[in-house]
Amino acid sequence: MISNFQQLYFMAVDKITPKITPSEVGIPDPVRNADSAVAGLLNTVYFIAGIAAVLVIILAGYFYVTAAGNASQIKRAKDAIIGAVAGLVVVIMAFVITQFVLGRIG
C-alpha cells in the first residue's frame, strides 16, 4: 500500500523531473508508421545492391586486366561488367520508382 507521503513524493518528482525525448539525446525515434519502415528497409536493400554491383565491377575489371589476351577470360570479364552495370541501372530505377510511390502515398 502506498502511503500519502509516497504519493506526494512521486507527484513532486514527476513535476520537477524534466521530460527528455530520445531525439534530444541522440537516440533515433522509433519507426512511426509503415511507410517509413518500408522506405528504410528498401533504402538498405538498395545500398547493399549498389555496393555489390560496384564490387563486381571492380572484380571484373581486375579479371579483364589480368586476362593476358585470353579471349574467354576477357569475355567473362566484359559480361560481368555489363551485368553489374545493368543491375546498377535496375537498382537506381527501383529506387526512383519507390521514392516516387512512397512520396505520393506519404
N, C-alpha and C. Protein backbone atom coordinates (compact mmCIF):
# COMPACT_ATOMS: atom_id res chain seq x y z
N MET A 1 0.85 -1.18 0.00
CA MET A 1 0.00 0.00 0.00
C MET A 1 0.89 1.24 0.00
N ILE A 2 0.58 2.18 -0.82
CA ILE A 2 1.37 3.40 -0.92
C ILE A 2 0.81 4.42 0.06
N SER A 3 1.70 4.98 0.84
CA SER A 3 1.26 5.98 1.82
C SER A 3 1.06 7.34 1.14
N ASN A 4 0.45 8.25 1.87
CA ASN A 4 0.24 9.60 1.34
C ASN A 4 1.57 10.28 1.05
N PHE A 5 2.57 10.03 1.87
CA PHE A 5 3.88 10.63 1.65
C PHE A 5 4.50 10.14 0.34
N GLN A 6 4.38 8.84 0.09
CA GLN A 6 4.92 8.29 -1.14
C GLN A 6 4.18 8.85 -2.36
N GLN A 7 2.88 9.00 -2.27
CA GLN A 7 2.13 9.59 -3.37
C GLN A 7 2.57 11.02 -3.62
N LEU A 8 2.73 11.78 -2.55
CA LEU A 8 3.17 13.17 -2.66
C LEU A 8 4.57 13.22 -3.26
N TYR A 9 5.45 12.31 -2.84
CA TYR A 9 6.82 12.25 -3.36
C TYR A 9 6.81 11.97 -4.86
N PHE A 10 6.06 10.97 -5.30
CA PHE A 10 6.02 10.63 -6.72
C PHE A 10 5.42 11.75 -7.56
N MET A 11 4.42 12.44 -7.03
CA MET A 11 3.84 13.57 -7.76
C MET A 11 4.85 14.70 -7.89
N ALA A 12 5.61 14.95 -6.82
CA ALA A 12 6.61 16.02 -6.86
C ALA A 12 7.74 15.67 -7.82
N VAL A 13 8.21 14.44 -7.76
CA VAL A 13 9.28 14.01 -8.66
C VAL A 13 8.81 14.10 -10.10
N ASP A 14 7.58 13.72 -10.37
CA ASP A 14 7.05 13.78 -11.72
C ASP A 14 6.98 15.23 -12.22
N LYS A 15 6.69 16.17 -11.35
CA LYS A 15 6.59 17.57 -11.75
C LYS A 15 7.96 18.22 -11.99
N ILE A 16 8.98 17.85 -11.20
CA ILE A 16 10.27 18.52 -11.32
C ILE A 16 11.24 17.80 -12.24
N THR A 17 10.96 16.56 -12.60
CA THR A 17 11.84 15.82 -13.49
C THR A 17 11.61 16.28 -14.92
N PRO A 18 12.66 16.71 -15.61
CA PRO A 18 12.47 17.16 -16.99
C PRO A 18 12.15 15.97 -17.89
N LYS A 19 11.26 16.20 -18.82
CA LYS A 19 10.90 15.17 -19.79
C LYS A 19 11.85 15.29 -20.98
N ILE A 20 12.62 14.25 -21.20
CA ILE A 20 13.61 14.24 -22.28
C ILE A 20 13.15 13.24 -23.33
N THR A 21 13.14 13.69 -24.58
CA THR A 21 12.78 12.80 -25.67
C THR A 21 14.03 12.08 -26.17
N PRO A 22 13.88 10.92 -26.78
CA PRO A 22 15.05 10.19 -27.28
C PRO A 22 15.86 11.00 -28.29
N SER A 23 15.18 11.79 -29.12
CA SER A 23 15.90 12.54 -30.15
C SER A 23 16.77 13.65 -29.54
N GLU A 24 16.42 14.12 -28.34
CA GLU A 24 17.22 15.15 -27.68
C GLU A 24 18.58 14.64 -27.22
N VAL A 25 18.70 13.35 -27.01
CA VAL A 25 19.96 12.79 -26.54
C VAL A 25 20.65 11.94 -27.60
N GLY A 26 20.16 12.05 -28.85
CA GLY A 26 20.85 11.38 -29.96
C GLY A 26 20.36 9.99 -30.28
N ILE A 27 19.28 9.55 -29.64
CA ILE A 27 18.73 8.23 -29.94
C ILE A 27 17.65 8.42 -31.00
N PRO A 28 17.75 7.71 -32.13
CA PRO A 28 16.73 7.92 -33.17
C PRO A 28 15.36 7.48 -32.68
N ASP A 29 14.35 8.20 -33.12
CA ASP A 29 12.98 7.86 -32.76
C ASP A 29 12.59 6.53 -33.39
N PRO A 30 11.75 5.76 -32.72
CA PRO A 30 11.31 4.51 -33.33
C PRO A 30 10.46 4.79 -34.56
N VAL A 31 10.28 3.78 -35.36
CA VAL A 31 9.50 3.91 -36.59
C VAL A 31 8.07 4.29 -36.21
N ARG A 32 7.57 5.34 -36.85
CA ARG A 32 6.23 5.84 -36.52
C ARG A 32 5.13 5.22 -37.40
N ASN A 33 5.49 4.84 -38.63
CA ASN A 33 4.45 4.27 -39.49
C ASN A 33 5.07 3.27 -40.45
N ALA A 34 4.20 2.56 -41.16
CA ALA A 34 4.68 1.50 -42.05
C ALA A 34 5.45 2.05 -43.24
N ASP A 35 5.08 3.24 -43.72
CA ASP A 35 5.78 3.82 -44.87
C ASP A 35 7.25 4.07 -44.57
N SER A 36 7.53 4.61 -43.39
CA SER A 36 8.93 4.87 -43.06
C SER A 36 9.70 3.57 -42.83
N ALA A 37 9.03 2.54 -42.34
CA ALA A 37 9.68 1.24 -42.17
C ALA A 37 10.03 0.63 -43.53
N VAL A 38 9.08 0.71 -44.45
CA VAL A 38 9.31 0.17 -45.79
C VAL A 38 10.41 0.96 -46.49
N ALA A 39 10.37 2.28 -46.38
CA ALA A 39 11.39 3.12 -47.01
C ALA A 39 12.77 2.81 -46.44
N GLY A 40 12.87 2.65 -45.13
CA GLY A 40 14.16 2.32 -44.51
C GLY A 40 14.68 0.97 -44.96
N LEU A 41 13.81 -0.01 -45.04
CA LEU A 41 14.21 -1.34 -45.49
C LEU A 41 14.66 -1.32 -46.95
N LEU A 42 13.89 -0.66 -47.79
CA LEU A 42 14.25 -0.60 -49.21
C LEU A 42 15.54 0.18 -49.43
N ASN A 43 15.74 1.26 -48.70
CA ASN A 43 16.99 2.02 -48.84
C ASN A 43 18.19 1.16 -48.45
N THR A 44 18.03 0.34 -47.42
CA THR A 44 19.12 -0.56 -47.02
C THR A 44 19.39 -1.59 -48.12
N VAL A 45 18.33 -2.16 -48.69
CA VAL A 45 18.49 -3.15 -49.76
C VAL A 45 19.16 -2.51 -50.97
N TYR A 46 18.73 -1.30 -51.33
CA TYR A 46 19.33 -0.61 -52.48
C TYR A 46 20.82 -0.32 -52.23
N PHE A 47 21.14 0.08 -51.02
CA PHE A 47 22.53 0.36 -50.68
C PHE A 47 23.39 -0.89 -50.82
N ILE A 48 22.93 -2.01 -50.28
CA ILE A 48 23.67 -3.27 -50.36
C ILE A 48 23.81 -3.71 -51.81
N ALA A 49 22.74 -3.59 -52.61
CA ALA A 49 22.80 -3.97 -54.02
C ALA A 49 23.78 -3.09 -54.77
N GLY A 50 23.81 -1.80 -54.47
CA GLY A 50 24.75 -0.89 -55.12
C GLY A 50 26.19 -1.23 -54.78
N ILE A 51 26.45 -1.53 -53.52
CA ILE A 51 27.80 -1.92 -53.10
C ILE A 51 28.22 -3.21 -53.81
N ALA A 52 27.29 -4.18 -53.90
CA ALA A 52 27.60 -5.44 -54.58
C ALA A 52 27.92 -5.21 -56.05
N ALA A 53 27.16 -4.33 -56.70
CA ALA A 53 27.40 -4.05 -58.12
C ALA A 53 28.76 -3.39 -58.32
N VAL A 54 29.11 -2.46 -57.45
CA VAL A 54 30.41 -1.80 -57.56
C VAL A 54 31.55 -2.80 -57.33
N LEU A 55 31.37 -3.69 -56.36
CA LEU A 55 32.41 -4.71 -56.11
C LEU A 55 32.56 -5.66 -57.30
N VAL A 56 31.43 -6.02 -57.93
CA VAL A 56 31.50 -6.88 -59.11
C VAL A 56 32.22 -6.16 -60.25
N ILE A 57 31.94 -4.87 -60.43
CA ILE A 57 32.62 -4.11 -61.48
C ILE A 57 34.12 -4.06 -61.22
N ILE A 58 34.51 -3.84 -59.98
CA ILE A 58 35.94 -3.80 -59.65
C ILE A 58 36.59 -5.16 -59.89
N LEU A 59 35.93 -6.21 -59.44
CA LEU A 59 36.48 -7.56 -59.62
C LEU A 59 36.56 -7.94 -61.10
N ALA A 60 35.53 -7.59 -61.87
CA ALA A 60 35.55 -7.88 -63.30
C ALA A 60 36.63 -7.07 -64.00
N GLY A 61 36.86 -5.85 -63.56
CA GLY A 61 37.95 -5.05 -64.11
C GLY A 61 39.30 -5.69 -63.84
N TYR A 62 39.46 -6.26 -62.66
CA TYR A 62 40.70 -6.98 -62.33
C TYR A 62 40.86 -8.19 -63.25
N PHE A 63 39.77 -8.94 -63.45
CA PHE A 63 39.82 -10.10 -64.35
C PHE A 63 40.16 -9.68 -65.77
N TYR A 64 39.63 -8.54 -66.20
CA TYR A 64 39.89 -8.04 -67.54
C TYR A 64 41.37 -7.67 -67.71
N VAL A 65 41.91 -7.01 -66.69
CA VAL A 65 43.31 -6.58 -66.76
C VAL A 65 44.26 -7.77 -66.73
N THR A 66 43.90 -8.78 -65.95
CA THR A 66 44.79 -9.95 -65.81
C THR A 66 44.48 -11.06 -66.80
N ALA A 67 43.63 -10.81 -67.79
CA ALA A 67 43.26 -11.85 -68.75
C ALA A 67 44.43 -12.23 -69.65
N ALA A 68 45.36 -11.36 -69.86
CA ALA A 68 46.56 -11.62 -70.68
C ALA A 68 46.21 -12.12 -72.07
N GLY A 69 45.18 -11.52 -72.66
CA GLY A 69 44.85 -11.87 -74.03
C GLY A 69 43.98 -13.10 -74.18
N ASN A 70 43.63 -13.78 -73.12
CA ASN A 70 42.78 -14.97 -73.18
C ASN A 70 41.35 -14.53 -73.49
N ALA A 71 40.84 -14.93 -74.64
CA ALA A 71 39.54 -14.45 -75.13
C ALA A 71 38.40 -14.84 -74.20
N SER A 72 38.44 -16.05 -73.65
CA SER A 72 37.33 -16.48 -72.79
C SER A 72 37.30 -15.68 -71.48
N GLN A 73 38.48 -15.37 -70.94
CA GLN A 73 38.52 -14.57 -69.71
C GLN A 73 38.09 -13.12 -69.97
N ILE A 74 38.46 -12.59 -71.14
CA ILE A 74 38.05 -11.23 -71.49
C ILE A 74 36.53 -11.18 -71.65
N LYS A 75 35.97 -12.20 -72.32
CA LYS A 75 34.51 -12.24 -72.50
C LYS A 75 33.82 -12.36 -71.14
N ARG A 76 34.35 -13.19 -70.26
CA ARG A 76 33.77 -13.35 -68.92
C ARG A 76 33.79 -12.03 -68.15
N ALA A 77 34.90 -11.30 -68.24
CA ALA A 77 35.01 -10.03 -67.54
C ALA A 77 34.05 -8.99 -68.13
N LYS A 78 33.97 -8.93 -69.45
CA LYS A 78 33.06 -7.98 -70.09
C LYS A 78 31.61 -8.29 -69.74
N ASP A 79 31.24 -9.57 -69.75
CA ASP A 79 29.88 -9.96 -69.41
C ASP A 79 29.55 -9.59 -67.95
N ALA A 80 30.52 -9.76 -67.07
CA ALA A 80 30.31 -9.40 -65.66
C ALA A 80 30.12 -7.89 -65.51
N ILE A 81 30.92 -7.11 -66.23
CA ILE A 81 30.78 -5.65 -66.15
C ILE A 81 29.43 -5.21 -66.70
N ILE A 82 29.02 -5.77 -67.83
CA ILE A 82 27.73 -5.42 -68.42
C ILE A 82 26.58 -5.82 -67.48
N GLY A 83 26.67 -6.99 -66.89
CA GLY A 83 25.64 -7.44 -65.95
C GLY A 83 25.57 -6.57 -64.71
N ALA A 84 26.74 -6.18 -64.19
CA ALA A 84 26.76 -5.34 -62.99
C ALA A 84 26.21 -3.94 -63.28
N VAL A 85 26.57 -3.38 -64.42
CA VAL A 85 26.05 -2.06 -64.78
C VAL A 85 24.54 -2.13 -65.01
N ALA A 86 24.07 -3.18 -65.67
CA ALA A 86 22.63 -3.35 -65.87
C ALA A 86 21.92 -3.48 -64.52
N GLY A 87 22.49 -4.25 -63.62
CA GLY A 87 21.91 -4.39 -62.28
C GLY A 87 21.89 -3.07 -61.53
N LEU A 88 22.94 -2.29 -61.68
CA LEU A 88 23.01 -0.98 -61.03
C LEU A 88 21.93 -0.05 -61.59
N VAL A 89 21.71 -0.10 -62.89
CA VAL A 89 20.65 0.71 -63.51
C VAL A 89 19.28 0.28 -62.98
N VAL A 90 19.06 -1.02 -62.84
CA VAL A 90 17.79 -1.52 -62.31
C VAL A 90 17.60 -1.06 -60.87
N VAL A 91 18.64 -1.11 -60.07
CA VAL A 91 18.54 -0.67 -58.67
C VAL A 91 18.23 0.82 -58.61
N ILE A 92 18.88 1.62 -59.43
CA ILE A 92 18.62 3.06 -59.43
C ILE A 92 17.19 3.35 -59.87
N MET A 93 16.72 2.64 -60.90
CA MET A 93 15.34 2.83 -61.34
C MET A 93 14.35 2.41 -60.26
N ALA A 94 14.62 1.31 -59.58
CA ALA A 94 13.74 0.85 -58.50
C ALA A 94 13.72 1.88 -57.37
N PHE A 95 14.86 2.46 -57.06
CA PHE A 95 14.94 3.48 -56.03
C PHE A 95 14.08 4.69 -56.41
N VAL A 96 14.22 5.15 -57.63
CA VAL A 96 13.46 6.32 -58.09
C VAL A 96 11.95 6.02 -58.05
N ILE A 97 11.57 4.85 -58.52
CA ILE A 97 10.15 4.49 -58.54
C ILE A 97 9.59 4.41 -57.13
N THR A 98 10.29 3.75 -56.22
CA THR A 98 9.77 3.62 -54.85
C THR A 98 9.75 4.97 -54.14
N GLN A 99 10.71 5.83 -54.39
CA GLN A 99 10.68 7.17 -53.79
C GLN A 99 9.47 7.95 -54.30
N PHE A 100 9.18 7.81 -55.58
CA PHE A 100 8.02 8.47 -56.17
C PHE A 100 6.73 7.94 -55.55
N VAL A 101 6.61 6.61 -55.47
CA VAL A 101 5.38 6.00 -54.94
C VAL A 101 5.21 6.33 -53.46
N LEU A 102 6.27 6.18 -52.67
CA LEU A 102 6.16 6.48 -51.25
C LEU A 102 5.92 7.97 -51.01
N GLY A 103 6.44 8.81 -51.90
CA GLY A 103 6.19 10.25 -51.79
C GLY A 103 4.74 10.58 -52.07
N ARG A 104 4.12 9.85 -52.99
CA ARG A 104 2.71 10.08 -53.31
C ARG A 104 1.80 9.57 -52.20
N ILE A 105 2.20 8.46 -51.57
CA ILE A 105 1.37 7.87 -50.51
C ILE A 105 1.50 8.69 -49.23
N GLY A 106 2.77 8.99 -48.87
CA GLY A 106 3.03 9.66 -47.58
C GLY A 106 2.87 11.08 -47.64
